[in-house]
Amino acid sequence: MGTEETKDPLKGVDWKAIGSELQKDPSSGGKSVVKKRLPKKIRQIPDCYFLPRMSTPSTLAFYGACIAGGIGAGMLLEVWINKKIKEDGGVVWEFGK
């Protein structure tokens, strides 16, 4: 296998000449610096990371289903408690006489 030369853009740069320029005139260093580009799209960071980022209808459907499931579970629990009370004689608390 042959040796491949790596393409180094800074291979032929005279670093000593650049250093001496900066020592003579420090303000000239800012002129040769390449300006940084601004990002094309700034990323919008959500306020709360734990909330899913879904569309509004999907979010309403998801949370609505969770709320409906909680209400249904509460109704089933209430029916089960009422059934147990009837089996035990209909008294929830007995106070000592």
N, C-alpha and C. Protein backbone atom coordinates (compact mmCIF):
# COMPACT_ATOMS: atom_id res chain seq x y z
N MET A 1 0.83 -1.18 0.00
CA MET A 1 0.00 0.00 0.00
C MET A 1 0.88 1.24 0.00
N GLY A 2 0.49 2.20 -0.79
CA GLY A 2 1.27 3.41 -0.92
C GLY A 2 0.97 4.37 0.22
N THR A 3 1.89 5.27 0.46
CA THR A 3 1.66 6.27 1.50
C THR A 3 0.83 7.39 0.91
N GLU A 4 -0.14 7.80 1.67
CA GLU A 4 -1.01 8.88 1.24
C GLU A 4 -0.64 10.15 1.99
N GLU A 5 -0.49 11.24 1.25
CA GLU A 5 -0.19 12.51 1.89
C GLU A 5 -1.49 13.10 2.43
N THR A 6 -1.45 13.52 3.69
CA THR A 6 -2.63 14.17 4.26
C THR A 6 -2.67 15.61 3.77
N LYS A 7 -3.83 16.07 3.44
CA LYS A 7 -3.99 17.43 2.93
C LYS A 7 -4.14 18.37 4.11
N ASP A 8 -3.05 18.99 4.48
CA ASP A 8 -3.03 19.92 5.60
C ASP A 8 -3.02 21.35 5.05
N PRO A 9 -4.09 22.12 5.28
CA PRO A 9 -4.13 23.48 4.74
C PRO A 9 -3.10 24.41 5.39
N LEU A 10 -2.59 24.05 6.55
CA LEU A 10 -1.65 24.91 7.26
C LEU A 10 -0.22 24.41 7.13
N LYS A 11 0.03 23.56 6.14
CA LYS A 11 1.35 22.95 6.00
C LYS A 11 2.42 23.97 5.62
N GLY A 12 2.12 24.87 4.70
CA GLY A 12 3.13 25.80 4.21
C GLY A 12 3.12 27.15 4.92
N VAL A 13 2.45 27.27 6.07
CA VAL A 13 2.34 28.55 6.76
C VAL A 13 3.64 28.83 7.51
N ASP A 14 4.11 30.05 7.40
CA ASP A 14 5.32 30.47 8.12
C ASP A 14 4.89 31.01 9.48
N TRP A 15 4.95 30.16 10.48
CA TRP A 15 4.43 30.51 11.81
C TRP A 15 5.30 31.57 12.49
N LYS A 16 6.59 31.56 12.20
CA LYS A 16 7.48 32.55 12.83
C LYS A 16 7.16 33.96 12.34
N ALA A 17 6.81 34.06 11.06
CA ALA A 17 6.47 35.38 10.51
C ALA A 17 5.18 35.89 11.12
N ILE A 18 4.23 35.00 11.33
CA ILE A 18 2.95 35.41 11.93
C ILE A 18 3.18 35.86 13.36
N GLY A 19 4.01 35.14 14.10
CA GLY A 19 4.29 35.50 15.48
C GLY A 19 5.00 36.82 15.60
N SER A 20 5.92 37.07 14.68
CA SER A 20 6.65 38.35 14.75
C SER A 20 5.74 39.52 14.41
N GLU A 21 4.77 39.31 13.51
CA GLU A 21 3.81 40.38 13.19
C GLU A 21 2.99 40.74 14.41
N LEU A 22 2.56 39.72 15.16
CA LEU A 22 1.73 39.99 16.34
C LEU A 22 2.54 40.68 17.43
N GLN A 23 3.85 40.39 17.50
CA GLN A 23 4.66 41.04 18.52
C GLN A 23 4.90 42.50 18.17
N LYS A 24 5.05 42.79 16.90
CA LYS A 24 5.30 44.17 16.49
C LYS A 24 4.04 45.02 16.61
N ASP A 25 2.92 44.48 16.10
CA ASP A 25 1.66 45.24 16.10
C ASP A 25 0.52 44.31 16.53
N PRO A 26 0.20 44.31 17.84
CA PRO A 26 -0.85 43.38 18.32
C PRO A 26 -2.22 43.65 17.71
N SER A 27 -2.47 44.89 17.28
CA SER A 27 -3.79 45.19 16.72
C SER A 27 -3.98 44.59 15.33
N SER A 28 -2.89 44.23 14.65
CA SER A 28 -3.01 43.65 13.32
C SER A 28 -3.48 42.20 13.38
N GLY A 29 -3.37 41.59 14.55
CA GLY A 29 -3.81 40.19 14.68
C GLY A 29 -5.30 40.04 14.50
N GLY A 30 -6.07 41.04 14.89
CA GLY A 30 -7.52 40.96 14.75
C GLY A 30 -7.97 41.05 13.32
N LYS A 31 -7.15 41.64 12.46
CA LYS A 31 -7.53 41.79 11.06
C LYS A 31 -7.43 40.49 10.29
N SER A 32 -6.45 39.65 10.65
CA SER A 32 -6.24 38.42 9.90
C SER A 32 -7.09 37.26 10.41
N VAL A 33 -7.80 37.48 11.51
CA VAL A 33 -8.63 36.42 12.08
C VAL A 33 -9.91 36.29 11.25
N VAL A 34 -10.27 35.07 10.93
CA VAL A 34 -11.47 34.82 10.15
C VAL A 34 -12.68 35.01 11.06
N LYS A 35 -13.66 35.73 10.57
CA LYS A 35 -14.86 35.97 11.37
C LYS A 35 -15.68 34.70 11.47
N LYS A 36 -16.25 34.49 12.64
CA LYS A 36 -17.11 33.32 12.85
C LYS A 36 -18.46 33.56 12.21
N ARG A 37 -19.01 32.51 11.63
CA ARG A 37 -20.33 32.62 11.01
C ARG A 37 -21.41 32.46 12.07
N LEU A 38 -22.48 33.18 11.89
CA LEU A 38 -23.63 33.02 12.77
C LEU A 38 -24.37 31.74 12.40
N PRO A 39 -24.95 31.07 13.37
CA PRO A 39 -25.70 29.86 13.03
C PRO A 39 -26.93 30.20 12.18
N LYS A 40 -27.25 29.29 11.25
CA LYS A 40 -28.39 29.53 10.37
C LYS A 40 -29.70 29.46 11.13
N LYS A 41 -29.82 28.48 12.01
CA LYS A 41 -31.06 28.32 12.76
C LYS A 41 -30.71 28.21 14.24
N ILE A 42 -31.29 29.07 15.03
CA ILE A 42 -31.05 29.03 16.47
C ILE A 42 -32.02 28.03 17.08
N ARG A 43 -31.47 27.09 17.84
CA ARG A 43 -32.28 26.03 18.43
C ARG A 43 -33.10 26.59 19.57
N GLN A 44 -34.40 26.30 19.55
CA GLN A 44 -35.27 26.75 20.63
C GLN A 44 -35.31 25.67 21.70
N ILE A 45 -34.86 26.02 22.88
CA ILE A 45 -34.80 25.07 23.99
C ILE A 45 -36.11 25.18 24.77
N PRO A 46 -36.80 24.06 24.99
CA PRO A 46 -38.05 24.13 25.74
C PRO A 46 -37.80 24.51 27.21
N ASP A 47 -38.80 25.12 27.83
CA ASP A 47 -38.67 25.52 29.22
C ASP A 47 -38.60 24.32 30.15
N CYS A 48 -39.41 23.32 29.86
CA CYS A 48 -39.46 22.13 30.72
C CYS A 48 -39.10 20.92 29.86
N TYR A 49 -38.01 20.26 30.19
CA TYR A 49 -37.56 19.14 29.39
C TYR A 49 -38.40 17.89 29.59
N PHE A 50 -39.10 17.77 30.72
CA PHE A 50 -39.83 16.54 30.98
C PHE A 50 -41.18 16.49 30.27
N LEU A 51 -41.62 17.60 29.69
CA LEU A 51 -42.89 17.59 28.97
C LEU A 51 -42.64 17.19 27.52
N PRO A 52 -43.47 16.32 26.98
CA PRO A 52 -43.28 15.95 25.57
C PRO A 52 -43.64 17.10 24.65
N ARG A 53 -42.90 17.23 23.56
CA ARG A 53 -43.16 18.29 22.60
C ARG A 53 -43.98 17.71 21.46
N MET A 54 -45.29 17.64 21.64
CA MET A 54 -46.19 17.10 20.63
C MET A 54 -47.08 18.23 20.12
N SER A 55 -47.82 17.94 19.06
CA SER A 55 -48.75 18.94 18.55
C SER A 55 -49.89 19.12 19.55
N THR A 56 -50.61 20.21 19.42
CA THR A 56 -51.68 20.53 20.38
C THR A 56 -52.78 19.47 20.41
N PRO A 57 -53.30 18.99 19.26
CA PRO A 57 -54.34 17.97 19.33
C PRO A 57 -53.84 16.66 19.97
N SER A 58 -52.61 16.28 19.66
CA SER A 58 -52.06 15.06 20.25
C SER A 58 -51.90 15.21 21.76
N THR A 59 -51.44 16.38 22.18
CA THR A 59 -51.26 16.64 23.61
C THR A 59 -52.60 16.61 24.33
N LEU A 60 -53.61 17.26 23.75
CA LEU A 60 -54.93 17.26 24.38
C LEU A 60 -55.50 15.85 24.45
N ALA A 61 -55.34 15.07 23.40
CA ALA A 61 -55.84 13.69 23.40
C ALA A 61 -55.13 12.85 24.45
N PHE A 62 -53.81 12.99 24.55
CA PHE A 62 -53.04 12.19 25.50
C PHE A 62 -53.42 12.52 26.94
N TYR A 63 -53.39 13.81 27.29
CA TYR A 63 -53.71 14.19 28.66
C TYR A 63 -55.20 13.99 28.96
N GLY A 64 -56.06 14.17 27.97
CA GLY A 64 -57.48 13.90 28.17
C GLY A 64 -57.73 12.44 28.47
N ALA A 65 -57.02 11.54 27.77
CA ALA A 65 -57.16 10.10 28.04
C ALA A 65 -56.65 9.76 29.44
N CYS A 66 -55.57 10.40 29.86
CA CYS A 66 -55.04 10.15 31.22
C CYS A 66 -56.05 10.60 32.27
N ILE A 67 -56.64 11.76 32.08
CA ILE A 67 -57.62 12.28 33.04
C ILE A 67 -58.86 11.40 33.06
N ALA A 68 -59.34 11.00 31.88
CA ALA A 68 -60.52 10.13 31.82
C ALA A 68 -60.23 8.78 32.48
N GLY A 69 -59.02 8.26 32.28
CA GLY A 69 -58.65 7.00 32.92
C GLY A 69 -58.62 7.13 34.43
N GLY A 70 -58.14 8.24 34.94
CA GLY A 70 -58.12 8.47 36.39
C GLY A 70 -59.52 8.59 36.96
N ILE A 71 -60.41 9.28 36.24
CA ILE A 71 -61.79 9.41 36.70
C ILE A 71 -62.48 8.04 36.70
N GLY A 72 -62.24 7.25 35.63
CA GLY A 72 -62.83 5.91 35.56
C GLY A 72 -62.32 5.01 36.68
N ALA A 73 -61.03 5.09 36.98
CA ALA A 73 -60.47 4.27 38.07
C ALA A 73 -61.07 4.69 39.41
N GLY A 74 -61.28 5.99 39.59
CA GLY A 74 -61.90 6.47 40.84
C GLY A 74 -63.34 5.98 40.98
N MET A 75 -64.08 5.94 39.86
CA MET A 75 -65.46 5.45 39.91
C MET A 75 -65.50 3.96 40.24
N LEU A 76 -64.57 3.18 39.64
CA LEU A 76 -64.52 1.76 39.95
C LEU A 76 -64.16 1.53 41.41
N LEU A 77 -63.24 2.33 41.94
CA LEU A 77 -62.86 2.21 43.35
C LEU A 77 -64.04 2.54 44.26
N GLU A 78 -64.81 3.55 43.89
CA GLU A 78 -65.98 3.91 44.68
C GLU A 78 -67.02 2.79 44.69
N VAL A 79 -67.25 2.17 43.53
CA VAL A 79 -68.20 1.05 43.45
C VAL A 79 -67.71 -0.11 44.30
N TRP A 80 -66.39 -0.39 44.27
CA TRP A 80 -65.83 -1.50 45.05
C TRP A 80 -65.96 -1.23 46.54
N ILE A 81 -65.72 0.03 46.97
CA ILE A 81 -65.85 0.38 48.38
C ILE A 81 -67.30 0.25 48.83
N ASN A 82 -68.24 0.74 48.01
CA ASN A 82 -69.67 0.62 48.37
C ASN A 82 -70.09 -0.84 48.48
N LYS A 83 -69.58 -1.69 47.60
CA LYS A 83 -69.90 -3.12 47.65
C LYS A 83 -69.37 -3.75 48.94
N LYS A 84 -68.16 -3.40 49.34
CA LYS A 84 -67.58 -3.94 50.58
C LYS A 84 -68.35 -3.47 51.80
N ILE A 85 -68.82 -2.22 51.77
CA ILE A 85 -69.60 -1.69 52.90
C ILE A 85 -70.91 -2.46 53.04
N LYS A 86 -71.57 -2.74 51.91
CA LYS A 86 -72.83 -3.50 51.97
C LYS A 86 -72.60 -4.92 52.48
N GLU A 87 -71.48 -5.53 52.09
CA GLU A 87 -71.17 -6.89 52.55
C GLU A 87 -70.91 -6.91 54.05
N ASP A 88 -70.33 -5.87 54.60
CA ASP A 88 -69.97 -5.83 56.02
C ASP A 88 -71.11 -5.35 56.90
N GLY A 89 -72.21 -4.97 56.38
CA GLY A 89 -73.35 -4.59 57.19
C GLY A 89 -73.73 -3.13 57.04
N GLY A 90 -73.07 -2.38 56.21
CA GLY A 90 -73.48 -1.01 55.92
C GLY A 90 -72.94 0.04 56.85
N VAL A 91 -72.03 -0.30 57.77
CA VAL A 91 -71.47 0.70 58.70
C VAL A 91 -70.01 0.94 58.31
N VAL A 92 -69.68 2.19 58.10
CA VAL A 92 -68.31 2.50 57.72
C VAL A 92 -67.44 2.59 58.98
N TRP A 93 -67.87 3.41 59.96
CA TRP A 93 -67.13 3.55 61.22
C TRP A 93 -68.07 3.22 62.37
N GLU A 94 -67.51 2.49 63.31
CA GLU A 94 -68.27 2.24 64.53
C GLU A 94 -67.60 2.99 65.66
N PHE A 95 -68.40 3.84 66.34
CA PHE A 95 -67.88 4.60 67.44
C PHE A 95 -68.18 3.87 68.73
N GLY A 96 -67.21 3.84 69.64
CA GLY A 96 -67.40 3.16 70.92
C GLY A 96 -68.43 3.86 71.79
N LYS A 97 -69.25 3.06 72.48
CA LYS A 97 -70.30 3.65 73.32
C LYS A 97 -69.91 3.65 74.76
